[in-house]
All heavy atoms as atom14 arrays in JSON, in Angstrom:
{
  "sequence": "GGKTVASTLGESGQRTAYLHLDVVSEQQWQQAVAGTVEQF",
  "atom14_mask": [
    [1, 1, 1, 1, 0, 0, 0, 0, 0, 0, 0, 0, 0, 0],
    [1, 1, 1, 1, 0, 0, 0, 0, 0, 0, 0, 0, 0, 0],
    [1, 1, 1, 1, 1, 1, 1, 1, 1, 0, 0, 0, 0, 0],
    [1, 1, 1, 1, 1, 1, 1, 0, 0, 0, 0, 0, 0, 0],
    [1, 1, 1, 1, 1, 1, 1, 0, 0, 0, 0, 0, 0, 0],
    [1, 1, 1, 1, 1, 0, 0, 0, 0, 0, 0, 0, 0, 0],
    [1, 1, 1, 1, 1, 1, 0, 0, 0, 0, 0, 0, 0, 0],
    [1, 1, 1, 1, 1, 1, 1, 0, 0, 0, 0, 0, 0, 0],
    [1, 1, 1, 1, 1, 1, 1, 1, 0, 0, 0, 0, 0, 0],
    [1, 1, 1, 1, 0, 0, 0, 0, 0, 0, 0, 0, 0, 0],
    [1, 1, 1, 1, 1, 1, 1, 1, 1, 0, 0, 0, 0, 0],
    [1, 1, 1, 1, 1, 1, 0, 0, 0, 0, 0, 0, 0, 0],
    [1, 1, 1, 1, 0, 0, 0, 0, 0, 0, 0, 0, 0, 0],
    [1, 1, 1, 1, 1, 1, 1, 1, 1, 0, 0, 0, 0, 0],
    [1, 1, 1, 1, 1, 1, 1, 1, 1, 1, 1, 0, 0, 0],
    [1, 1, 1, 1, 1, 1, 1, 0, 0, 0, 0, 0, 0, 0],
    [1, 1, 1, 1, 1, 0, 0, 0, 0, 0, 0, 0, 0, 0],
    [1, 1, 1, 1, 1, 1, 1, 1, 1, 1, 1, 1, 0, 0],
    [1, 1, 1, 1, 1, 1, 1, 1, 0, 0, 0, 0, 0, 0],
    [1, 1, 1, 1, 1, 1, 1, 1, 1, 1, 0, 0, 0, 0],
    [1, 1, 1, 1, 1, 1, 1, 1, 0, 0, 0, 0, 0, 0],
    [1, 1, 1, 1, 1, 1, 1, 1, 0, 0, 0, 0, 0, 0],
    [1, 1, 1, 1, 1, 1, 1, 0, 0, 0, 0, 0, 0, 0],
    [1, 1, 1, 1, 1, 1, 1, 0, 0, 0, 0, 0, 0, 0],
    [1, 1, 1, 1, 1, 1, 0, 0, 0, 0, 0, 0, 0, 0],
    [1, 1, 1, 1, 1, 1, 1, 1, 1, 0, 0, 0, 0, 0],
    [1, 1, 1, 1, 1, 1, 1, 1, 1, 0, 0, 0, 0, 0],
    [1, 1, 1, 1, 1, 1, 1, 1, 1, 0, 0, 0, 0, 0],
    [1, 1, 1, 1, 1, 1, 1, 1, 1, 1, 1, 1, 1, 1],
    [1, 1, 1, 1, 1, 1, 1, 1, 1, 0, 0, 0, 0, 0],
    [1, 1, 1, 1, 1, 1, 1, 1, 1, 0, 0, 0, 0, 0],
    [1, 1, 1, 1, 1, 0, 0, 0, 0, 0, 0, 0, 0, 0],
    [1, 1, 1, 1, 1, 1, 1, 0, 0, 0, 0, 0, 0, 0],
    [1, 1, 1, 1, 1, 0, 0, 0, 0, 0, 0, 0, 0, 0],
    [1, 1, 1, 1, 0, 0, 0, 0, 0, 0, 0, 0, 0, 0],
    [1, 1, 1, 1, 1, 1, 1, 0, 0, 0, 0, 0, 0, 0],
    [1, 1, 1, 1, 1, 1, 1, 0, 0, 0, 0, 0, 0, 0],
    [1, 1, 1, 1, 1, 1, 1, 1, 1, 0, 0, 0, 0, 0],
    [1, 1, 1, 1, 1, 1, 1, 1, 1, 0, 0, 0, 0, 0],
    [1, 1, 1, 1, 1, 1, 1, 1, 1, 1, 1, 0, 0, 0]
  ],
  "atom14_positions": [
    [[19.02, 18.58, 14.85], [17.76, 19.21, 15.22], [16.57, 18.54, 14.58], [15.53, 18.32, 15.22], [0.0, 0.0, 0.0], [0.0, 0.0, 0.0], [0.0, 0.0, 0.0], [0.0, 0.0, 0.0], [0.0, 0.0, 0.0], [0.0, 0.0, 0.0], [0.0, 0.0, 0.0], [0.0, 0.0, 0.0], [0.0, 0.0, 0.0], [0.0, 0.0, 0.0]],
    [[16.69, 18.2, 13.31], [15.59, 17.55, 12.61], [15.26, 16.19, 13.18], [14.08, 15.84, 13.33], [0.0, 0.0, 0.0], [0.0, 0.0, 0.0], [0.0, 0.0, 0.0], [0.0, 0.0, 0.0], [0.0, 0.0, 0.0], [0.0, 0.0, 0.0], [0.0, 0.0, 0.0], [0.0, 0.0, 0.0], [0.0, 0.0, 0.0], [0.0, 0.0, 0.0]],
    [[16.28, 15.42, 13.48], [16.05, 14.1, 14.06], [15.41, 14.21, 15.44], [14.57, 13.37, 15.81], [17.36, 13.33, 14.15], [17.91, 12.89, 12.8], [19.26, 12.21, 12.94], [19.82, 11.8, 11.58], [21.17, 11.19, 11.71], [0.0, 0.0, 0.0], [0.0, 0.0, 0.0], [0.0, 0.0, 0.0], [0.0, 0.0, 0.0], [0.0, 0.0, 0.0]],
    [[15.77, 15.24, 16.18], [15.17, 15.44, 17.5], [13.69, 15.74, 17.39], [12.86, 15.21, 18.14], [15.89, 16.57, 18.25], [17.26, 16.21, 18.46], [15.24, 16.84, 19.59], [0.0, 0.0, 0.0], [0.0, 0.0, 0.0], [0.0, 0.0, 0.0], [0.0, 0.0, 0.0], [0.0, 0.0, 0.0], [0.0, 0.0, 0.0], [0.0, 0.0, 0.0]],
    [[13.34, 16.61, 16.44], [11.92, 16.94, 16.24], [11.14, 15.68, 15.85], [10.07, 15.4, 16.39], [11.76, 18.02, 15.15], [10.28, 18.24, 14.82], [12.38, 19.33, 15.61], [0.0, 0.0, 0.0], [0.0, 0.0, 0.0], [0.0, 0.0, 0.0], [0.0, 0.0, 0.0], [0.0, 0.0, 0.0], [0.0, 0.0, 0.0], [0.0, 0.0, 0.0]],
    [[11.68, 14.91, 14.91], [11.01, 13.69, 14.47], [10.87, 12.69, 15.62], [9.82, 12.06, 15.8], [11.77, 13.06, 13.31], [0.0, 0.0, 0.0], [0.0, 0.0, 0.0], [0.0, 0.0, 0.0], [0.0, 0.0, 0.0], [0.0, 0.0, 0.0], [0.0, 0.0, 0.0], [0.0, 0.0, 0.0], [0.0, 0.0, 0.0], [0.0, 0.0, 0.0]],
    [[11.93, 12.54, 16.41], [11.89, 11.6, 17.52], [10.86, 12.01, 18.57], [10.1, 11.17, 19.07], [13.28, 11.52, 18.17], [13.26, 10.69, 19.31], [0.0, 0.0, 0.0], [0.0, 0.0, 0.0], [0.0, 0.0, 0.0], [0.0, 0.0, 0.0], [0.0, 0.0, 0.0], [0.0, 0.0, 0.0], [0.0, 0.0, 0.0], [0.0, 0.0, 0.0]],
    [[10.82, 13.3, 18.87], [9.86, 13.8, 19.87], [8.43, 13.58, 19.41], [7.57, 13.14, 20.19], [10.11, 15.28, 20.15], [11.45, 15.47, 20.62], [9.13, 15.82, 21.19], [0.0, 0.0, 0.0], [0.0, 0.0, 0.0], [0.0, 0.0, 0.0], [0.0, 0.0, 0.0], [0.0, 0.0, 0.0], [0.0, 0.0, 0.0], [0.0, 0.0, 0.0]],
    [[8.16, 13.86, 18.15], [6.81, 13.64, 17.62], [6.47, 12.15, 17.62], [5.34, 11.75, 17.93], [6.7, 14.21, 16.22], [6.66, 15.73, 16.1], [6.68, 16.17, 14.64], [5.43, 16.3, 16.8], [0.0, 0.0, 0.0], [0.0, 0.0, 0.0], [0.0, 0.0, 0.0], [0.0, 0.0, 0.0], [0.0, 0.0, 0.0], [0.0, 0.0, 0.0]],
    [[7.46, 11.33, 17.27], [7.22, 9.9, 17.27], [6.89, 9.36, 18.64], [6.02, 8.49, 18.8], [0.0, 0.0, 0.0], [0.0, 0.0, 0.0], [0.0, 0.0, 0.0], [0.0, 0.0, 0.0], [0.0, 0.0, 0.0], [0.0, 0.0, 0.0], [0.0, 0.0, 0.0], [0.0, 0.0, 0.0], [0.0, 0.0, 0.0], [0.0, 0.0, 0.0]],
    [[7.57, 9.88, 19.65], [7.31, 9.45, 21.03], [5.91, 9.86, 21.48], [5.35, 9.24, 22.4], [8.35, 10.06, 21.96], [9.75, 9.47, 21.77], [10.81, 10.24, 22.54], [10.44, 11.25, 23.2], [12.0, 9.86, 22.47], [0.0, 0.0, 0.0], [0.0, 0.0, 0.0], [0.0, 0.0, 0.0], [0.0, 0.0, 0.0], [0.0, 0.0, 0.0]],
    [[5.35, 10.9, 20.84], [3.99, 11.34, 21.18], [2.93, 10.6, 20.38], [1.74, 10.89, 20.5], [3.86, 12.84, 20.91], [4.79, 13.58, 21.7], [0.0, 0.0, 0.0], [0.0, 0.0, 0.0], [0.0, 0.0, 0.0], [0.0, 0.0, 0.0], [0.0, 0.0, 0.0], [0.0, 0.0, 0.0], [0.0, 0.0, 0.0], [0.0, 0.0, 0.0]],
    [[3.37, 9.66, 19.55], [2.43, 8.83, 18.81], [2.17, 9.28, 17.39], [1.41, 8.64, 16.67], [0.0, 0.0, 0.0], [0.0, 0.0, 0.0], [0.0, 0.0, 0.0], [0.0, 0.0, 0.0], [0.0, 0.0, 0.0], [0.0, 0.0, 0.0], [0.0, 0.0, 0.0], [0.0, 0.0, 0.0], [0.0, 0.0, 0.0], [0.0, 0.0, 0.0]],
    [[2.81, 10.38, 16.97], [2.62, 10.83, 15.6], [3.51, 10.06, 14.64], [4.62, 9.66, 14.99], [2.89, 12.33, 15.47], [1.72, 13.19, 15.87], [1.89, 13.74, 17.27], [2.84, 13.42, 17.95], [0.96, 14.57, 17.71], [0.0, 0.0, 0.0], [0.0, 0.0, 0.0], [0.0, 0.0, 0.0], [0.0, 0.0, 0.0], [0.0, 0.0, 0.0]],
    [[3.02, 9.9, 13.42], [3.79, 9.2, 12.38], [4.66, 10.22, 11.66], [4.15, 11.13, 11.0], [2.84, 8.51, 11.41], [3.51, 7.51, 10.48], [2.48, 6.82, 9.62], [3.1, 5.88, 8.7], [2.63, 5.58, 7.51], [1.51, 6.16, 7.09], [3.24, 4.71, 6.72], [0.0, 0.0, 0.0], [0.0, 0.0, 0.0], [0.0, 0.0, 0.0]],
    [[5.96, 10.06, 11.78], [6.85, 11.06, 11.22], [8.22, 10.44, 10.95], [8.53, 9.34, 11.41], [7.0, 12.26, 12.18], [7.77, 13.28, 11.57], [7.66, 11.83, 13.47], [0.0, 0.0, 0.0], [0.0, 0.0, 0.0], [0.0, 0.0, 0.0], [0.0, 0.0, 0.0], [0.0, 0.0, 0.0], [0.0, 0.0, 0.0], [0.0, 0.0, 0.0]],
    [[9.04, 11.15, 10.19], [10.4, 10.7, 9.9], [11.22, 11.92, 9.52], [10.68, 13.02, 9.31], [10.41, 9.66, 8.78], [0.0, 0.0, 0.0], [0.0, 0.0, 0.0], [0.0, 0.0, 0.0], [0.0, 0.0, 0.0], [0.0, 0.0, 0.0], [0.0, 0.0, 0.0], [0.0, 0.0, 0.0], [0.0, 0.0, 0.0], [0.0, 0.0, 0.0]],
    [[12.53, 11.72, 9.41], [13.42, 12.81, 9.05], [14.27, 12.43, 7.84], [14.73, 11.3, 7.71], [14.37, 13.16, 10.2], [15.42, 14.17, 9.8], [15.1, 15.52, 9.67], [16.72, 13.77, 9.5], [16.05, 16.45, 9.26], [17.68, 14.69, 9.1], [17.34, 16.02, 8.98], [18.27, 16.94, 8.56], [0.0, 0.0, 0.0], [0.0, 0.0, 0.0]],
    [[14.46, 13.42, 6.95], [15.38, 13.28, 5.82], [16.23, 14.55, 5.71], [15.72, 15.66, 5.89], [14.62, 13.09, 4.51], [14.01, 11.72, 4.22], [13.19, 11.77, 2.94], [15.1, 10.66, 4.11], [0.0, 0.0, 0.0], [0.0, 0.0, 0.0], [0.0, 0.0, 0.0], [0.0, 0.0, 0.0], [0.0, 0.0, 0.0], [0.0, 0.0, 0.0]],
    [[17.5, 14.38, 5.4], [18.36, 15.53, 5.13], [17.96, 16.13, 3.79], [17.8, 15.42, 2.81], [19.82, 15.08, 5.1], [20.78, 16.2, 4.8], [21.36, 16.96, 5.81], [21.24, 16.72, 3.63], [22.15, 17.86, 5.26], [22.08, 17.74, 3.94], [0.0, 0.0, 0.0], [0.0, 0.0, 0.0], [0.0, 0.0, 0.0], [0.0, 0.0, 0.0]],
    [[17.81, 17.46, 3.76], [17.48, 18.14, 2.5], [18.07, 19.53, 2.49], [17.67, 20.4, 3.27], [15.96, 18.22, 2.31], [15.47, 19.07, 1.13], [16.04, 18.56, -0.2], [13.95, 19.12, 1.09], [0.0, 0.0, 0.0], [0.0, 0.0, 0.0], [0.0, 0.0, 0.0], [0.0, 0.0, 0.0], [0.0, 0.0, 0.0], [0.0, 0.0, 0.0]],
    [[19.01, 19.73, 1.59], [19.51, 21.07, 1.28], [18.7, 21.54, 0.08], [18.82, 20.99, -1.03], [21.0, 21.0, 0.94], [21.6, 22.37, 0.67], [20.83, 23.34, 0.45], [22.84, 22.49, 0.67], [0.0, 0.0, 0.0], [0.0, 0.0, 0.0], [0.0, 0.0, 0.0], [0.0, 0.0, 0.0], [0.0, 0.0, 0.0], [0.0, 0.0, 0.0]],
    [[17.87, 22.54, 0.26], [16.89, 22.91, -0.76], [17.52, 23.48, -2.03], [16.83, 23.64, -3.04], [15.85, 23.91, -0.21], [15.03, 23.26, 0.89], [16.5, 25.21, 0.26], [0.0, 0.0, 0.0], [0.0, 0.0, 0.0], [0.0, 0.0, 0.0], [0.0, 0.0, 0.0], [0.0, 0.0, 0.0], [0.0, 0.0, 0.0], [0.0, 0.0, 0.0]],
    [[18.8, 23.79, -2.02], [19.43, 24.29, -3.23], [19.89, 23.14, -4.12], [20.34, 23.39, -5.26], [20.63, 25.21, -2.92], [20.21, 26.33, -1.98], [21.8, 24.44, -2.34], [0.0, 0.0, 0.0], [0.0, 0.0, 0.0], [0.0, 0.0, 0.0], [0.0, 0.0, 0.0], [0.0, 0.0, 0.0], [0.0, 0.0, 0.0], [0.0, 0.0, 0.0]],
    [[19.79, 21.89, -3.65], [20.24, 20.73, -4.4], [19.08, 20.05, -5.11], [18.18, 19.51, -4.46], [20.93, 19.73, -3.47], [21.14, 18.49, -4.12], [0.0, 0.0, 0.0], [0.0, 0.0, 0.0], [0.0, 0.0, 0.0], [0.0, 0.0, 0.0], [0.0, 0.0, 0.0], [0.0, 0.0, 0.0], [0.0, 0.0, 0.0], [0.0, 0.0, 0.0]],
    [[19.11, 20.04, -6.42], [18.04, 19.38, -7.18], [18.02, 17.88, -6.9], [16.95, 17.28, -6.75], [18.22, 19.64, -8.67], [17.05, 19.15, -9.51], [17.02, 19.75, -10.89], [18.07, 20.19, -11.38], [15.92, 19.78, -11.48], [0.0, 0.0, 0.0], [0.0, 0.0, 0.0], [0.0, 0.0, 0.0], [0.0, 0.0, 0.0], [0.0, 0.0, 0.0]],
    [[19.19, 17.28, -6.8], [19.26, 15.85, -6.52], [18.65, 15.52, -5.16], [17.92, 14.53, -5.03], [20.71, 15.37, -6.59], [20.86, 13.87, -6.33], [22.3, 13.42, -6.38], [23.22, 14.2, -6.19], [22.51, 12.13, -6.63], [0.0, 0.0, 0.0], [0.0, 0.0, 0.0], [0.0, 0.0, 0.0], [0.0, 0.0, 0.0], [0.0, 0.0, 0.0]],
    [[18.95, 16.34, -4.15], [18.4, 16.07, -2.83], [16.88, 16.26, -2.8], [16.18, 15.55, -2.07], [19.09, 16.95, -1.78], [20.52, 16.52, -1.51], [21.15, 17.26, -0.35], [20.47, 17.7, 0.59], [22.48, 17.43, -0.39], [0.0, 0.0, 0.0], [0.0, 0.0, 0.0], [0.0, 0.0, 0.0], [0.0, 0.0, 0.0], [0.0, 0.0, 0.0]],
    [[16.37, 17.19, -3.58], [14.92, 17.34, -3.69], [14.29, 16.08, -4.29], [13.27, 15.59, -3.81], [14.56, 18.57, -4.54], [14.21, 19.77, -3.76], [14.87, 20.97, -3.72], [13.07, 19.93, -2.88], [14.24, 21.85, -2.88], [13.13, 21.25, -2.36], [12.03, 19.1, -2.49], [12.18, 21.73, -1.46], [11.08, 19.59, -1.59], [11.17, 20.88, -1.09]],
    [[14.89, 15.58, -5.34], [14.37, 14.36, -5.96], [14.38, 13.21, -4.96], [13.41, 12.44, -4.87], [15.22, 14.01, -7.18], [15.08, 15.01, -8.33], [16.09, 14.78, -9.44], [17.27, 14.55, -9.17], [15.64, 14.83, -10.67], [0.0, 0.0, 0.0], [0.0, 0.0, 0.0], [0.0, 0.0, 0.0], [0.0, 0.0, 0.0], [0.0, 0.0, 0.0]],
    [[15.44, 13.09, -4.2], [15.56, 12.03, -3.21], [14.56, 12.2, -2.07], [13.98, 11.21, -1.59], [16.98, 11.98, -2.67], [18.02, 11.57, -3.7], [19.45, 11.75, -3.21], [19.71, 12.49, -2.24], [20.4, 11.11, -3.86], [0.0, 0.0, 0.0], [0.0, 0.0, 0.0], [0.0, 0.0, 0.0], [0.0, 0.0, 0.0], [0.0, 0.0, 0.0]],
    [[14.34, 13.45, -1.64], [13.42, 13.7, -0.53], [11.98, 13.37, -0.92], [11.24, 12.74, -0.14], [13.52, 15.16, -0.09], [0.0, 0.0, 0.0], [0.0, 0.0, 0.0], [0.0, 0.0, 0.0], [0.0, 0.0, 0.0], [0.0, 0.0, 0.0], [0.0, 0.0, 0.0], [0.0, 0.0, 0.0], [0.0, 0.0, 0.0], [0.0, 0.0, 0.0]],
    [[11.57, 13.77, -2.11], [10.21, 13.47, -2.56], [10.04, 11.96, -2.75], [9.06, 11.37, -2.29], [9.88, 14.23, -3.85], [8.53, 13.76, -4.41], [9.85, 15.73, -3.59], [0.0, 0.0, 0.0], [0.0, 0.0, 0.0], [0.0, 0.0, 0.0], [0.0, 0.0, 0.0], [0.0, 0.0, 0.0], [0.0, 0.0, 0.0], [0.0, 0.0, 0.0]],
    [[11.02, 11.34, -3.41], [10.94, 9.9, -3.62], [10.94, 9.14, -2.29], [10.18, 8.18, -2.12], [12.12, 9.43, -4.49], [0.0, 0.0, 0.0], [0.0, 0.0, 0.0], [0.0, 0.0, 0.0], [0.0, 0.0, 0.0], [0.0, 0.0, 0.0], [0.0, 0.0, 0.0], [0.0, 0.0, 0.0], [0.0, 0.0, 0.0], [0.0, 0.0, 0.0]],
    [[11.75, 9.6, -1.35], [11.79, 8.96, -0.05], [10.49, 9.09, 0.72], [10.05, 8.15, 1.4], [0.0, 0.0, 0.0], [0.0, 0.0, 0.0], [0.0, 0.0, 0.0], [0.0, 0.0, 0.0], [0.0, 0.0, 0.0], [0.0, 0.0, 0.0], [0.0, 0.0, 0.0], [0.0, 0.0, 0.0], [0.0, 0.0, 0.0], [0.0, 0.0, 0.0]],
    [[9.85, 10.25, 0.61], [8.57, 10.47, 1.28], [7.5, 9.57, 0.69], [6.73, 8.92, 1.43], [8.14, 11.95, 1.14], [9.14, 12.79, 1.72], [6.81, 12.2, 1.83], [0.0, 0.0, 0.0], [0.0, 0.0, 0.0], [0.0, 0.0, 0.0], [0.0, 0.0, 0.0], [0.0, 0.0, 0.0], [0.0, 0.0, 0.0], [0.0, 0.0, 0.0]],
    [[7.44, 9.51, -0.63], [6.44, 8.67, -1.29], [6.68, 7.2, -0.99], [5.73, 6.44, -0.72], [6.45, 8.93, -2.81], [5.55, 7.93, -3.53], [6.02, 10.35, -3.11], [0.0, 0.0, 0.0], [0.0, 0.0, 0.0], [0.0, 0.0, 0.0], [0.0, 0.0, 0.0], [0.0, 0.0, 0.0], [0.0, 0.0, 0.0], [0.0, 0.0, 0.0]],
    [[7.93, 6.79, -1.0], [8.25, 5.39, -0.73], [7.88, 5.0, 0.7], [7.33, 3.92, 0.94], [9.73, 5.14, -0.98], [10.17, 3.71, -0.71], [11.65, 3.48, -0.96], [12.33, 4.43, -1.4], [12.13, 2.37, -0.69], [0.0, 0.0, 0.0], [0.0, 0.0, 0.0], [0.0, 0.0, 0.0], [0.0, 0.0, 0.0], [0.0, 0.0, 0.0]],
    [[8.18, 5.89, 1.65], [7.96, 5.54, 3.05], [6.5, 5.7, 3.48], [5.99, 4.88, 4.25], [8.84, 6.4, 3.95], [8.75, 6.04, 5.43], [9.9, 6.61, 6.23], [10.85, 7.18, 5.69], [9.85, 6.47, 7.54], [0.0, 0.0, 0.0], [0.0, 0.0, 0.0], [0.0, 0.0, 0.0], [0.0, 0.0, 0.0], [0.0, 0.0, 0.0]],
    [[5.83, 6.72, 2.94], [4.48, 7.04, 3.42], [3.39, 6.87, 2.38], [2.21, 7.09, 2.67], [4.45, 8.47, 3.96], [5.34, 8.69, 5.16], [6.16, 9.8, 5.25], [5.35, 7.78, 6.21], [6.97, 10.01, 6.36], [6.15, 7.98, 7.32], [6.97, 9.08, 7.4], [0.0, 0.0, 0.0], [0.0, 0.0, 0.0], [0.0, 0.0, 0.0]]
  ]
}
């Protein structure tokens, strides 16, 4: 579902991306923030 949302927005010209994030995981939160900063 997340990849579909990102793909649809991208096709409309918006700058977007998708990352897997289980919010109960501290490690995944660290990766999501770092990934966002690195990419954008």
